[in-house]
Amino acid sequence: MTTELERIKILEGKISQVVEYISKLIAENEKLKAQIKDLKMENKNYMEKARRTDSLDENVKKLEKDREVLKQKIDTIIKQIDKIGV
């Protein structure tokens, strides 16, 4: 009879260990879910910044082209002024 009680106590101890382990896993799972949520938000922010950077790059390229066109026009005007000797 005592061996059966001892076996039940051993089983009870093992069940307690399993329950404790599952509790730890649940807590870790919740922590990981929170980290995933944070990383998704961070990724979303990086993607938005990347889109804005691309847009700014396009604007800079356009402004550089506009600057070059204006430079050429100014050079043309200066050459015309030089021709008339002013």
PDB file of N, CA and C in Angstrom:
ATOM      1  N   MET A   1       0.820  -1.195   0.000  1.00  0.00           N
ATOM      2  CA  MET A   1       0.000   0.000   0.000  1.00  0.00           C
ATOM      3  C   MET A   1       0.866   1.262   0.000  1.00  0.00           C
ATOM      4  N   THR A   2       1.931   1.236   0.744  1.00  0.00           N
ATOM      5  CA  THR A   2       2.795   2.419   0.790  1.00  0.00           C
ATOM      6  C   THR A   2       3.462   2.684  -0.557  1.00  0.00           C
ATOM      7  N   THR A   3       3.790   1.639  -1.262  1.00  0.00           N
ATOM      8  CA  THR A   3       4.398   1.856  -2.573  1.00  0.00           C
ATOM      9  C   THR A   3       3.418   2.515  -3.524  1.00  0.00           C
ATOM     10  N   GLU A   4       2.147   2.208  -3.390  1.00  0.00           N
ATOM     11  CA  GLU A   4       1.142   2.855  -4.236  1.00  0.00           C
ATOM     12  C   GLU A   4       1.030   4.329  -3.870  1.00  0.00           C
ATOM     13  N   LEU A   5       1.056   4.630  -2.558  1.00  0.00           N
ATOM     14  CA  LEU A   5       1.020   6.032  -2.131  1.00  0.00           C
ATOM     15  C   LEU A   5       2.272   6.774  -2.602  1.00  0.00           C
ATOM     16  N   GLU A   6       3.404   6.116  -2.523  1.00  0.00           N
ATOM     17  CA  GLU A   6       4.643   6.735  -2.989  1.00  0.00           C
ATOM     18  C   GLU A   6       4.581   6.998  -4.495  1.00  0.00           C
ATOM     19  N   ARG A   7       4.049   6.050  -5.219  1.00  0.00           N
ATOM     20  CA  ARG A   7       3.916   6.214  -6.669  1.00  0.00           C
ATOM     21  C   ARG A   7       2.967   7.365  -6.988  1.00  0.00           C
ATOM     22  N   ILE A   8       1.882   7.482  -6.213  1.00  0.00           N
ATOM     23  CA  ILE A   8       0.925   8.584  -6.412  1.00  0.00           C
ATOM     24  C   ILE A   8       1.604   9.918  -6.107  1.00  0.00           C
ATOM     25  N   LYS A   9       2.412   9.978  -5.044  1.00  0.00           N
ATOM     26  CA  LYS A   9       3.127  11.214  -4.711  1.00  0.00           C
ATOM     27  C   LYS A   9       4.138  11.572  -5.802  1.00  0.00           C
ATOM     28  N   ILE A  10       4.818  10.565  -6.333  1.00  0.00           N
ATOM     29  CA  ILE A  10       5.768  10.801  -7.431  1.00  0.00           C
ATOM     30  C   ILE A  10       5.014  11.337  -8.645  1.00  0.00           C
ATOM     31  N   LEU A  11       3.873  10.735  -8.949  1.00  0.00           N
ATOM     32  CA  LEU A  11       3.052  11.180 -10.072  1.00  0.00           C
ATOM     33  C   LEU A  11       2.569  12.605  -9.838  1.00  0.00           C
ATOM     34  N   GLU A  12       2.140  12.870  -8.624  1.00  0.00           N
ATOM     35  CA  GLU A  12       1.680  14.216  -8.273  1.00  0.00           C
ATOM     36  C   GLU A  12       2.817  15.233  -8.470  1.00  0.00           C
ATOM     37  N   GLY A  13       4.020  14.877  -8.064  1.00  0.00           N
ATOM     38  CA  GLY A  13       5.185  15.756  -8.253  1.00  0.00           C
ATOM     39  C   GLY A  13       5.471  16.003  -9.717  1.00  0.00           C
ATOM     40  N   LYS A  14       5.385  14.952 -10.507  1.00  0.00           N
ATOM     41  CA  LYS A  14       5.650  15.087 -11.944  1.00  0.00           C
ATOM     42  C   LYS A  14       4.567  15.947 -12.602  1.00  0.00           C
ATOM     43  N   ILE A  15       3.316  15.758 -12.175  1.00  0.00           N
ATOM     44  CA  ILE A  15       2.226  16.575 -12.726  1.00  0.00           C
ATOM     45  C   ILE A  15       2.444  18.038 -12.360  1.00  0.00           C
ATOM     46  N   SER A  16       2.882  18.301 -11.140  1.00  0.00           N
ATOM     47  CA  SER A  16       3.174  19.679 -10.720  1.00  0.00           C
ATOM     48  C   SER A  16       4.281  20.276 -11.584  1.00  0.00           C
ATOM     49  N   GLN A  17       5.301  19.484 -11.881  1.00  0.00           N
ATOM     50  CA  GLN A  17       6.386  19.957 -12.742  1.00  0.00           C
ATOM     51  C   GLN A  17       5.882  20.286 -14.142  1.00  0.00           C
ATOM     52  N   VAL A  18       5.007  19.415 -14.656  1.00  0.00           N
ATOM     53  CA  VAL A  18       4.450  19.643 -15.993  1.00  0.00           C
ATOM     54  C   VAL A  18       3.614  20.915 -16.000  1.00  0.00           C
ATOM     55  N   VAL A  19       2.781  21.101 -14.974  1.00  0.00           N
ATOM     56  CA  VAL A  19       1.939  22.302 -14.891  1.00  0.00           C
ATOM     57  C   VAL A  19       2.821  23.547 -14.797  1.00  0.00           C
ATOM     58  N   GLU A  20       3.875  23.493 -14.003  1.00  0.00           N
ATOM     59  CA  GLU A  20       4.805  24.618 -13.870  1.00  0.00           C
ATOM     60  C   GLU A  20       5.484  24.905 -15.202  1.00  0.00           C
ATOM     61  N   TYR A  21       5.895  23.870 -15.902  1.00  0.00           N
ATOM     62  CA  TYR A  21       6.555  24.035 -17.197  1.00  0.00           C
ATOM     63  C   TYR A  21       5.588  24.654 -18.208  1.00  0.00           C
ATOM     64  N   ILE A  22       4.348  24.185 -18.211  1.00  0.00           N
ATOM     65  CA  ILE A  22       3.343  24.732 -19.136  1.00  0.00           C
ATOM     66  C   ILE A  22       3.082  26.198 -18.809  1.00  0.00           C
ATOM     67  N   SER A  23       3.033  26.535 -17.525  1.00  0.00           N
ATOM     68  CA  SER A  23       2.829  27.932 -17.126  1.00  0.00           C
ATOM     69  C   SER A  23       3.968  28.814 -17.635  1.00  0.00           C
ATOM     70  N   LYS A  24       5.200  28.311 -17.516  1.00  0.00           N
ATOM     71  CA  LYS A  24       6.348  29.060 -18.028  1.00  0.00           C
ATOM     72  C   LYS A  24       6.249  29.237 -19.537  1.00  0.00           C
ATOM     73  N   LEU A  25       5.836  28.177 -20.229  1.00  0.00           N
ATOM     74  CA  LEU A  25       5.696  28.259 -21.684  1.00  0.00           C
ATOM     75  C   LEU A  25       4.620  29.266 -22.083  1.00  0.00           C
ATOM     76  N   ILE A  26       3.528  29.273 -21.340  1.00  0.00           N
ATOM     77  CA  ILE A  26       2.451  30.237 -21.629  1.00  0.00           C
ATOM     78  C   ILE A  26       2.955  31.655 -21.436  1.00  0.00           C
ATOM     79  N   ALA A  27       3.686  31.900 -20.349  1.00  0.00           N
ATOM     80  CA  ALA A  27       4.235  33.238 -20.099  1.00  0.00           C
ATOM     81  C   ALA A  27       5.221  33.640 -21.196  1.00  0.00           C
ATOM     82  N   GLU A  28       6.073  32.700 -21.584  1.00  0.00           N
ATOM     83  CA  GLU A  28       7.047  32.977 -22.643  1.00  0.00           C
ATOM     84  C   GLU A  28       6.334  33.244 -23.966  1.00  0.00           C
ATOM     85  N   ASN A  29       5.279  32.491 -24.229  1.00  0.00           N
ATOM     86  CA  ASN A  29       4.501  32.679 -25.456  1.00  0.00           C
ATOM     87  C   ASN A  29       3.889  34.082 -25.496  1.00  0.00           C
ATOM     88  N   GLU A  30       3.350  34.536 -24.375  1.00  0.00           N
ATOM     89  CA  GLU A  30       2.763  35.877 -24.308  1.00  0.00           C
ATOM     90  C   GLU A  30       3.837  36.945 -24.542  1.00  0.00           C
ATOM     91  N   LYS A  31       5.008  36.731 -23.953  1.00  0.00           N
ATOM     92  CA  LYS A  31       6.116  37.659 -24.137  1.00  0.00           C
ATOM     93  C   LYS A  31       6.521  37.712 -25.609  1.00  0.00           C
ATOM     94  N   LEU A  32       6.597  36.547 -26.245  1.00  0.00           N
ATOM     95  CA  LEU A  32       6.966  36.486 -27.655  1.00  0.00           C
ATOM     96  C   LEU A  32       5.908  37.143 -28.541  1.00  0.00           C
ATOM     97  N   LYS A  33       4.648  36.958 -28.197  1.00  0.00           N
ATOM     98  CA  LYS A  33       3.575  37.615 -28.956  1.00  0.00           C
ATOM     99  C   LYS A  33       3.710  39.128 -28.866  1.00  0.00           C
ATOM    100  N   ALA A  34       4.028  39.635 -27.679  1.00  0.00           N
ATOM    101  CA  ALA A  34       4.222  41.077 -27.502  1.00  0.00           C
ATOM    102  C   ALA A  34       5.414  41.564 -28.322  1.00  0.00           C
ATOM    103  N   GLN A  35       6.489  40.779 -28.335  1.00  0.00           N
ATOM    104  CA  GLN A  35       7.667  41.149 -29.123  1.00  0.00           C
ATOM    105  C   GLN A  35       7.341  41.162 -30.614  1.00  0.00           C
ATOM    106  N   ILE A  36       6.569  40.189 -31.055  1.00  0.00           N
ATOM    107  CA  ILE A  36       6.170  40.142 -32.464  1.00  0.00           C
ATOM    108  C   ILE A  36       5.348  41.380 -32.818  1.00  0.00           C
ATOM    109  N   LYS A  37       4.427  41.734 -31.953  1.00  0.00           N
ATOM    110  CA  LYS A  37       3.593  42.921 -32.182  1.00  0.00           C
ATOM    111  C   LYS A  37       4.475  44.166 -32.280  1.00  0.00           C
ATOM    112  N   ASP A  38       5.432  44.307 -31.366  1.00  0.00           N
ATOM    113  CA  ASP A  38       6.340  45.450 -31.391  1.00  0.00           C
ATOM    114  C   ASP A  38       7.180  45.466 -32.667  1.00  0.00           C
ATOM    115  N   LEU A  39       7.675  44.290 -33.067  1.00  0.00           N
ATOM    116  CA  LEU A  39       8.497  44.211 -34.271  1.00  0.00           C
ATOM    117  C   LEU A  39       7.684  44.528 -35.528  1.00  0.00           C
ATOM    118  N   LYS A  40       6.431  44.099 -35.554  1.00  0.00           N
ATOM    119  CA  LYS A  40       5.578  44.419 -36.705  1.00  0.00           C
ATOM    120  C   LYS A  40       5.360  45.922 -36.794  1.00  0.00           C
ATOM    121  N   MET A  41       5.151  46.565 -35.645  1.00  0.00           N
ATOM    122  CA  MET A  41       4.955  48.011 -35.630  1.00  0.00           C
ATOM    123  C   MET A  41       6.236  48.718 -36.068  1.00  0.00           C
ATOM    124  N   GLU A  42       7.364  48.238 -35.581  1.00  0.00           N
ATOM    125  CA  GLU A  42       8.654  48.811 -35.950  1.00  0.00           C
ATOM    126  C   GLU A  42       8.895  48.639 -37.446  1.00  0.00           C
ATOM    127  N   ASN A  43       8.578  47.462 -37.973  1.00  0.00           N
ATOM    128  CA  ASN A  43       8.732  47.208 -39.400  1.00  0.00           C
ATOM    129  C   ASN A  43       7.837  48.151 -40.212  1.00  0.00           C
ATOM    130  N   LYS A  44       6.625  48.340 -39.742  1.00  0.00           N
ATOM    131  CA  LYS A  44       5.693  49.244 -40.428  1.00  0.00           C
ATOM    132  C   LYS A  44       6.269  50.659 -40.466  1.00  0.00           C
ATOM    133  N   ASN A  45       6.846  51.101 -39.338  1.00  0.00           N
ATOM    134  CA  ASN A  45       7.454  52.428 -39.285  1.00  0.00           C
ATOM    135  C   ASN A  45       8.639  52.532 -40.247  1.00  0.00           C
ATOM    136  N   TYR A  46       9.483  51.483 -40.293  1.00  0.00           N
ATOM    137  CA  TYR A  46      10.623  51.494 -41.211  1.00  0.00           C
ATOM    138  C   TYR A  46      10.151  51.526 -42.666  1.00  0.00           C
ATOM    139  N   MET A  47       9.109  50.779 -42.961  1.00  0.00           N
ATOM    140  CA  MET A  47       8.596  50.766 -44.333  1.00  0.00           C
ATOM    141  C   MET A  47       8.066  52.148 -44.723  1.00  0.00           C
ATOM    142  N   GLU A  48       7.379  52.809 -43.807  1.00  0.00           N
ATOM    143  CA  GLU A  48       6.859  54.153 -44.068  1.00  0.00           C
ATOM    144  C   GLU A  48       8.025  55.127 -44.278  1.00  0.00           C
ATOM    145  N   LYS A  49       9.054  55.010 -43.452  1.00  0.00           N
ATOM    146  CA  LYS A  49      10.227  55.875 -43.619  1.00  0.00           C
ATOM    147  C   LYS A  49      10.906  55.603 -44.955  1.00  0.00           C
ATOM    148  N   ALA A  50      10.959  54.354 -45.361  1.00  0.00           N
ATOM    149  CA  ALA A  50      11.566  53.999 -46.645  1.00  0.00           C
ATOM    150  C   ALA A  50      10.767  54.621 -47.796  1.00  0.00           C
ATOM    151  N   ARG A  51       9.433  54.579 -47.689  1.00  0.00           N
ATOM    152  CA  ARG A  51       8.591  55.198 -48.727  1.00  0.00           C
ATOM    153  C   ARG A  51       8.847  56.697 -48.797  1.00  0.00           C
ATOM    154  N   ARG A  52       8.925  57.332 -47.601  1.00  0.00           N
ATOM    155  CA  ARG A  52       9.183  58.777 -47.577  1.00  0.00           C
ATOM    156  C   ARG A  52      10.560  59.094 -48.145  1.00  0.00           C
ATOM    157  N   THR A  53      11.534  58.266 -47.827  1.00  0.00           N
ATOM    158  CA  THR A  53      12.885  58.475 -48.345  1.00  0.00           C
ATOM    159  C   THR A  53      12.895  58.358 -49.866  1.00  0.00           C
ATOM    160  N   ASP A  54      12.204  57.373 -50.392  1.00  0.00           N
ATOM    161  CA  ASP A  54      12.113  57.221 -51.853  1.00  0.00           C
ATOM    162  C   ASP A  54      11.478  58.451 -52.484  1.00  0.00           C
ATOM    163  N   SER A  55      10.426  58.950 -51.835  1.00  0.00           N
ATOM    164  CA  SER A  55       9.746  60.135 -52.344  1.00  0.00           C
ATOM    165  C   SER A  55      10.684  61.346 -52.314  1.00  0.00           C
ATOM    166  N   LEU A  56      11.428  61.500 -51.232  1.00  0.00           N
ATOM    167  CA  LEU A  56      12.376  62.606 -51.134  1.00  0.00           C
ATOM    168  C   LEU A  56      13.490  62.470 -52.165  1.00  0.00           C
ATOM    169  N   ASP A  57      13.947  61.258 -52.398  1.00  0.00           N
ATOM    170  CA  ASP A  57      14.970  61.021 -53.418  1.00  0.00           C
ATOM    171  C   ASP A  57      14.468  61.448 -54.801  1.00  0.00           C
ATOM    172  N   GLU A  58      13.230  61.107 -55.090  1.00  0.00           N
ATOM    173  CA  GLU A  58      12.643  61.505 -56.377  1.00  0.00           C
ATOM    174  C   GLU A  58      12.563  63.020 -56.482  1.00  0.00           C
ATOM    175  N   ASN A  59      12.174  63.678 -55.390  1.00  0.00           N
ATOM    176  CA  ASN A  59      12.089  65.138 -55.395  1.00  0.00           C
ATOM    177  C   ASN A  59      13.469  65.766 -55.597  1.00  0.00           C
ATOM    178  N   VAL A  60      14.486  65.213 -54.949  1.00  0.00           N
ATOM    179  CA  VAL A  60      15.845  65.736 -55.104  1.00  0.00           C
ATOM    180  C   VAL A  60      16.300  65.588 -56.552  1.00  0.00           C
ATOM    181  N   LYS A  61      16.036  64.442 -57.165  1.00  0.00           N
ATOM    182  CA  LYS A  61      16.429  64.232 -58.559  1.00  0.00           C
ATOM    183  C   LYS A  61      15.723  65.233 -59.478  1.00  0.00           C
ATOM    184  N   LYS A  62      14.450  65.457 -59.215  1.00  0.00           N
ATOM    185  CA  LYS A  62      13.691  66.423 -60.022  1.00  0.00           C
ATOM    186  C   LYS A  62      14.270  67.823 -59.855  1.00  0.00           C
ATOM    187  N   LEU A  63      14.568  68.197 -58.620  1.00  0.00           N
ATOM    188  CA  LEU A  63      15.136  69.519 -58.371  1.00  0.00           C
ATOM    189  C   LEU A  63      16.520  69.660 -59.017  1.00  0.00           C
ATOM    190  N   GLU A  64      17.302  68.592 -59.005  1.00  0.00           N
ATOM    191  CA  GLU A  64      18.616  68.643 -59.665  1.00  0.00           C
ATOM    192  C   GLU A  64      18.457  68.850 -61.168  1.00  0.00           C
ATOM    193  N   LYS A  65      17.480  68.180 -61.762  1.00  0.00           N
ATOM    194  CA  LYS A  65      17.231  68.363 -63.195  1.00  0.00           C
ATOM    195  C   LYS A  65      16.776  69.796 -63.475  1.00  0.00           C
ATOM    196  N   ASP A  66      15.861  70.302 -62.621  1.00  0.00           N
ATOM    197  CA  ASP A  66      15.384  71.675 -62.785  1.00  0.00           C
ATOM    198  C   ASP A  66      16.543  72.667 -62.656  1.00  0.00           C
ATOM    199  N   ARG A  67      17.437  72.421 -61.727  1.00  0.00           N
ATOM    200  CA  ARG A  67      18.600  73.283 -61.512  1.00  0.00           C
ATOM    201  C   ARG A  67      19.488  73.290 -62.749  1.00  0.00           C
ATOM    202  N   GLU A  68      19.688  72.124 -63.321  1.00  0.00           N
ATOM    203  CA  GLU A  68      20.514  72.034 -64.525  1.00  0.00           C
ATOM    204  C   GLU A  68      19.884  72.800 -65.682  1.00  0.00           C
ATOM    205  N   VAL A  69      18.567  72.679 -65.821  1.00  0.00           N
ATOM    206  CA  VAL A  69      17.863  73.409 -66.887  1.00  0.00           C
ATOM    207  C   VAL A  69      18.015  74.910 -66.670  1.00  0.00           C
ATOM    208  N   LEU A  70      17.833  75.370 -65.426  1.00  0.00           N
ATOM    209  CA  LEU A  70      17.976  76.797 -65.128  1.00  0.00           C
ATOM    210  C   LEU A  70      19.409  77.276 -65.382  1.00  0.00           C
ATOM    211  N   LYS A  71      20.364  76.462 -65.026  1.00  0.00           N
ATOM    212  CA  LYS A  71      21.772  76.805 -65.252  1.00  0.00           C
ATOM    213  C   LYS A  71      22.036  76.993 -66.744  1.00  0.00           C
ATOM    214  N   GLN A  72      21.493  76.080 -67.554  1.00  0.00           N
ATOM    215  CA  GLN A  72      21.674  76.185 -69.003  1.00  0.00           C
ATOM    216  C   GLN A  72      21.017  77.450 -69.545  1.00  0.00           C
ATOM    217  N   LYS A  73      19.830  77.767 -69.037  1.00  0.00           N
ATOM    218  CA  LYS A  73      19.128  78.974 -69.496  1.00  0.00           C
ATOM    219  C   LYS A  73      19.907  80.226 -69.103  1.00  0.00           C
ATOM    220  N   ILE A  74      20.442  80.236 -67.887  1.00  0.00           N
ATOM    221  CA  ILE A  74      21.221  81.392 -67.445  1.00  0.00           C
ATOM    222  C   ILE A  74      22.485  81.534 -68.295  1.00  0.00           C
ATOM    223  N   ASP A  75      23.150  80.420 -68.589  1.00  0.00           N
ATOM    224  CA  ASP A  75      24.329  80.466 -69.457  1.00  0.00           C
ATOM    225  C   ASP A  75      23.976  81.020 -70.829  1.00  0.00           C
ATOM    226  N   THR A  76      22.845  80.602 -71.360  1.00  0.00           N
ATOM    227  CA  THR A  76      22.390  81.086 -72.663  1.00  0.00           C
ATOM    228  C   THR A  76      22.153  82.589 -72.611  1.00  0.00           C
ATOM    229  N   ILE A  77      21.498  83.066 -71.552  1.00  0.00           N
ATOM    230  CA  ILE A  77      21.212  84.500 -71.414  1.00  0.00           C
ATOM    231  C   ILE A  77      22.518  85.287 -71.295  1.00  0.00           C
ATOM    232  N   ILE A  78      23.463  84.774 -70.506  1.00  0.00           N
ATOM    233  CA  ILE A  78      24.756  85.453 -70.353  1.00  0.00           C
ATOM    234  C   ILE A  78      25.490  85.528 -71.691  1.00  0.00           C
ATOM    235  N   LYS A  79      25.439  84.452 -72.464  1.00  0.00           N
ATOM    236  CA  LYS A  79      26.088  84.463 -73.787  1.00  0.00           C
ATOM    237  C   LYS A  79      25.434  85.494 -74.709  1.00  0.00           C
ATOM    238  N   GLN A  80      24.121  85.593 -74.645  1.00  0.00           N
ATOM    239  CA  GLN A  80      23.414  86.583 -75.483  1.00  0.00           C
ATOM    240  C   GLN A  80      23.780  88.002 -75.068  1.00  0.00           C
ATOM    241  N   ILE A  81      23.901  88.227 -73.745  1.00  0.00           N
ATOM    242  CA  ILE A  81      24.287  89.554 -73.257  1.00  0.00           C
ATOM    243  C   ILE A  81      25.710  89.867 -73.701  1.00  0.00           C
ATOM    244  N   ASP A  82      26.582  88.860 -73.621  1.00  0.00           N
ATOM    245  CA  ASP A  82      27.973  89.056 -74.062  1.00  0.00           C
ATOM    246  C   ASP A  82      28.038  89.405 -75.560  1.00  0.00           C
ATOM    247  N   LYS A  83      27.155  88.836 -76.351  1.00  0.00           N
ATOM    248  CA  LYS A  83      27.143  89.104 -77.800  1.00  0.00           C
ATOM    249  C   LYS A  83      26.815  90.555 -78.096  1.00  0.00           C
ATOM    250  N   ILE A  84      25.903  91.113 -77.274  1.00  0.00           N
ATOM    251  CA  ILE A  84      25.530  92.512 -77.560  1.00  0.00           C
ATOM    252  C   ILE A  84      26.482  93.498 -76.901  1.00  0.00           C
ATOM    253  N   GLY A  85      27.392  92.982 -76.081  1.00  0.00           N
ATOM    254  CA  GLY A  85      28.451  93.813 -75.523  1.00  0.00           C
ATOM    255  C   GLY A  85      28.024  94.646 -74.322  1.00  0.00           C
ATOM    256  N   VAL A  86      27.067  94.223 -73.621  1.00  0.00           N
ATOM    257  CA  VAL A  86      26.621  95.005 -72.450  1.00  0.00           C
ATOM    258  C   VAL A  86      27.400  94.634 -71.235  1.00  0.00           C
TER     259      VAL A  86
END
